[in-house]
Amino acid sequence: MAALADIAPDFATYLIEFPFGDIYARPGLDLRAREIATIAALTAMGNAAPQLKIHVQAGLNVGLSRAEITEVIMQMAVYAGFPAALNGLFAAKAVFDACPTRGESQPV
């Protein structure tokens, strides 16, 4: 949000309020399921590595294991292609490398 403050402060507000205030707060899916869907979607886009890294970290925060996140990203190779999945795996690896023990203990 701070990076947008001088150019588009309203956009920064919308960026938080709509997805997290409206969509993530809806009933029907728990946060774990929402992060799985988000990681899959961002991976499939193939060009959203900064956002994917944030949601890989969020996935770890809501209890996804590294193995689960890796499987979600690998699954996208079937639907979005190998380049998108490869980009996603490298984004996840960067997050995993920054937090070496995070997400290792949860079973798949």
C-alpha atoms as a PDB file:
ATOM      1  CA  MET A   1       0.000   0.000   0.000  1.00  0.00           C
ATOM      2  CA  ALA A   2       2.826   2.385   0.831  1.00  0.00           C
ATOM      3  CA  ALA A   3       4.256   1.987  -2.675  1.00  0.00           C
ATOM      4  CA  LEU A   4       0.965   3.242  -4.136  1.00  0.00           C
ATOM      5  CA  ALA A   5       0.379   6.069  -1.658  1.00  0.00           C
ATOM      6  CA  ASP A   6       1.840   8.818  -3.835  1.00  0.00           C
ATOM      7  CA  ILE A   7       0.329   7.684  -7.141  1.00  0.00           C
ATOM      8  CA  ALA A   8      -2.975   5.913  -6.392  1.00  0.00           C
ATOM      9  CA  PRO A   9      -3.944   5.846  -2.712  1.00  0.00           C
ATOM     10  CA  ASP A  10      -7.561   4.963  -3.533  1.00  0.00           C
ATOM     11  CA  PHE A  11      -6.394   1.952  -5.546  1.00  0.00           C
ATOM     12  CA  ALA A  12      -4.340   0.766  -2.578  1.00  0.00           C
ATOM     13  CA  THR A  13      -7.467   0.943  -0.449  1.00  0.00           C
ATOM     14  CA  TYR A  14      -9.526  -0.985  -3.028  1.00  0.00           C
ATOM     15  CA  LEU A  15      -6.744  -3.554  -3.256  1.00  0.00           C
ATOM     16  CA  ILE A  16      -7.281  -4.435   0.394  1.00  0.00           C
ATOM     17  CA  GLU A  17     -10.981  -3.713   0.952  1.00  0.00           C
ATOM     18  CA  PHE A  18     -12.498  -5.651  -1.951  1.00  0.00           C
ATOM     19  CA  PRO A  19     -10.607  -8.939  -1.870  1.00  0.00           C
ATOM     20  CA  PHE A  20     -10.069  -9.199   1.872  1.00  0.00           C
ATOM     21  CA  GLY A  21     -13.041  -7.236   3.185  1.00  0.00           C
ATOM     22  CA  ASP A  22     -15.621  -8.587   0.749  1.00  0.00           C
ATOM     23  CA  ILE A  23     -14.454 -11.771  -0.984  1.00  0.00           C
ATOM     24  CA  TYR A  24     -12.253 -13.514   1.594  1.00  0.00           C
ATOM     25  CA  ALA A  25     -14.821 -12.799   4.313  1.00  0.00           C
ATOM     26  CA  ARG A  26     -17.639 -14.595   2.491  1.00  0.00           C
ATOM     27  CA  PRO A  27     -18.931 -17.879   3.892  1.00  0.00           C
ATOM     28  CA  GLY A  28     -18.520 -21.063   1.890  1.00  0.00           C
ATOM     29  CA  LEU A  29     -14.756 -21.561   1.800  1.00  0.00           C
ATOM     30  CA  ASP A  30     -12.257 -21.483   4.610  1.00  0.00           C
ATOM     31  CA  LEU A  31      -9.044 -19.470   4.282  1.00  0.00           C
ATOM     32  CA  ARG A  32      -7.058 -22.599   3.426  1.00  0.00           C
ATOM     33  CA  ALA A  33      -9.293 -23.379   0.437  1.00  0.00           C
ATOM     34  CA  ARG A  34      -9.239 -19.742  -0.669  1.00  0.00           C
ATOM     35  CA  GLU A  35      -5.434 -19.710  -0.657  1.00  0.00           C
ATOM     36  CA  ILE A  36      -5.322 -22.943  -2.683  1.00  0.00           C
ATOM     37  CA  ALA A  37      -7.599 -21.348  -5.279  1.00  0.00           C
ATOM     38  CA  THR A  38      -5.591 -18.119  -5.281  1.00  0.00           C
ATOM     39  CA  ILE A  39      -2.249 -19.898  -5.636  1.00  0.00           C
ATOM     40  CA  ALA A  40      -3.656 -21.915  -8.535  1.00  0.00           C
ATOM     41  CA  ALA A  41      -5.070 -18.845 -10.270  1.00  0.00           C
ATOM     42  CA  LEU A  42      -1.930 -16.747  -9.880  1.00  0.00           C
ATOM     43  CA  THR A  43       0.202 -19.646 -11.089  1.00  0.00           C
ATOM     44  CA  ALA A  44      -2.042 -20.120 -14.122  1.00  0.00           C
ATOM     45  CA  MET A  45      -1.648 -16.458 -15.023  1.00  0.00           C
ATOM     46  CA  GLY A  46       2.061 -17.073 -15.411  1.00  0.00           C
ATOM     47  CA  ASN A  47       3.023 -13.432 -14.914  1.00  0.00           C
ATOM     48  CA  ALA A  48       2.094 -12.632 -11.329  1.00  0.00           C
ATOM     49  CA  ALA A  49       5.150 -13.773  -9.359  1.00  0.00           C
ATOM     50  CA  PRO A  50       5.077 -10.931  -6.778  1.00  0.00           C
ATOM     51  CA  GLN A  51       1.445 -11.607  -5.946  1.00  0.00           C
ATOM     52  CA  LEU A  52       2.002 -15.373  -6.004  1.00  0.00           C
ATOM     53  CA  LYS A  53       4.823 -15.046  -3.460  1.00  0.00           C
ATOM     54  CA  ILE A  54       2.497 -13.155  -1.125  1.00  0.00           C
ATOM     55  CA  HIS A  55      -0.137 -15.880  -1.413  1.00  0.00           C
ATOM     56  CA  VAL A  56       2.361 -18.718  -1.006  1.00  0.00           C
ATOM     57  CA  GLN A  57       3.328 -17.052   2.287  1.00  0.00           C
ATOM     58  CA  ALA A  58      -0.367 -16.641   3.124  1.00  0.00           C
ATOM     59  CA  GLY A  59      -0.904 -20.332   2.338  1.00  0.00           C
ATOM     60  CA  LEU A  60       1.809 -21.247   4.818  1.00  0.00           C
ATOM     61  CA  ASN A  61       0.176 -18.904   7.339  1.00  0.00           C
ATOM     62  CA  VAL A  62      -3.176 -20.720   7.074  1.00  0.00           C
ATOM     63  CA  GLY A  63      -1.659 -24.178   7.391  1.00  0.00           C
ATOM     64  CA  LEU A  64      -0.789 -25.345   3.893  1.00  0.00           C
ATOM     65  CA  SER A  65       2.354 -27.425   3.729  1.00  0.00           C
ATOM     66  CA  ARG A  66       5.145 -26.838   1.226  1.00  0.00           C
ATOM     67  CA  ALA A  67       4.199 -30.151  -0.372  1.00  0.00           C
ATOM     68  CA  GLU A  68       0.568 -29.055  -0.808  1.00  0.00           C
ATOM     69  CA  ILE A  69       1.586 -25.716  -2.323  1.00  0.00           C
ATOM     70  CA  THR A  70       4.020 -27.460  -4.660  1.00  0.00           C
ATOM     71  CA  GLU A  71       1.327 -29.927  -5.767  1.00  0.00           C
ATOM     72  CA  VAL A  72      -1.141 -27.110  -6.480  1.00  0.00           C
ATOM     73  CA  ILE A  73       1.445 -25.344  -8.624  1.00  0.00           C
ATOM     74  CA  MET A  74       2.454 -28.544 -10.424  1.00  0.00           C
ATOM     75  CA  GLN A  75      -1.227 -29.273 -11.172  1.00  0.00           C
ATOM     76  CA  MET A  76      -1.345 -26.014 -13.111  1.00  0.00           C
ATOM     77  CA  ALA A  77       1.119 -27.423 -15.681  1.00  0.00           C
ATOM     78  CA  VAL A  78      -1.799 -29.469 -17.037  1.00  0.00           C
ATOM     79  CA  TYR A  79      -4.092 -26.468 -17.477  1.00  0.00           C
ATOM     80  CA  ALA A  80      -1.813 -23.440 -17.827  1.00  0.00           C
ATOM     81  CA  GLY A  81       1.313 -25.021 -19.300  1.00  0.00           C
ATOM     82  CA  PHE A  82       4.766 -25.884 -18.083  1.00  0.00           C
ATOM     83  CA  PRO A  83       6.165 -22.332 -18.302  1.00  0.00           C
ATOM     84  CA  ALA A  84       3.463 -20.996 -15.948  1.00  0.00           C
ATOM     85  CA  ALA A  85       4.004 -23.877 -13.517  1.00  0.00           C
ATOM     86  CA  LEU A  86       7.765 -23.419 -13.663  1.00  0.00           C
ATOM     87  CA  ASN A  87       7.432 -19.705 -12.905  1.00  0.00           C
ATOM     88  CA  GLY A  88       5.143 -20.623 -10.021  1.00  0.00           C
ATOM     89  CA  LEU A  89       7.572 -23.163  -8.627  1.00  0.00           C
ATOM     90  CA  PHE A  90      10.398 -20.631  -8.683  1.00  0.00           C
ATOM     91  CA  ALA A  91       8.196 -18.093  -6.878  1.00  0.00           C
ATOM     92  CA  ALA A  92       7.319 -20.694  -4.232  1.00  0.00           C
ATOM     93  CA  LYS A  93      10.971 -21.702  -3.891  1.00  0.00           C
ATOM     94  CA  ALA A  94      11.901 -18.087  -3.161  1.00  0.00           C
ATOM     95  CA  VAL A  95       9.356 -17.996  -0.331  1.00  0.00           C
ATOM     96  CA  PHE A  96      10.427 -21.395   1.007  1.00  0.00           C
ATOM     97  CA  ASP A  97      14.096 -20.360   0.911  1.00  0.00           C
ATOM     98  CA  ALA A  98      13.291 -17.187   2.872  1.00  0.00           C
ATOM     99  CA  CYS A  99      11.548 -19.261   5.593  1.00  0.00           C
ATOM    100  CA  PRO A 100      13.520 -22.532   5.667  1.00  0.00           C
ATOM    101  CA  THR A 101      11.414 -24.426   8.212  1.00  0.00           C
ATOM    102  CA  ARG A 102       7.991 -22.940   7.490  1.00  0.00           C
ATOM    103  CA  GLY A 103       5.402 -25.410   6.186  1.00  0.00           C
ATOM    104  CA  GLU A 104       7.565 -28.518   6.455  1.00  0.00           C
ATOM    105  CA  SER A 105       5.789 -30.339   9.258  1.00  0.00           C
ATOM    106  CA  GLN A 106       2.232 -30.420   7.912  1.00  0.00           C
ATOM    107  CA  PRO A 107       1.355 -33.666   6.099  1.00  0.00           C
ATOM    108  CA  VAL A 108      -0.058 -33.744   2.573  1.00  0.00           C
END
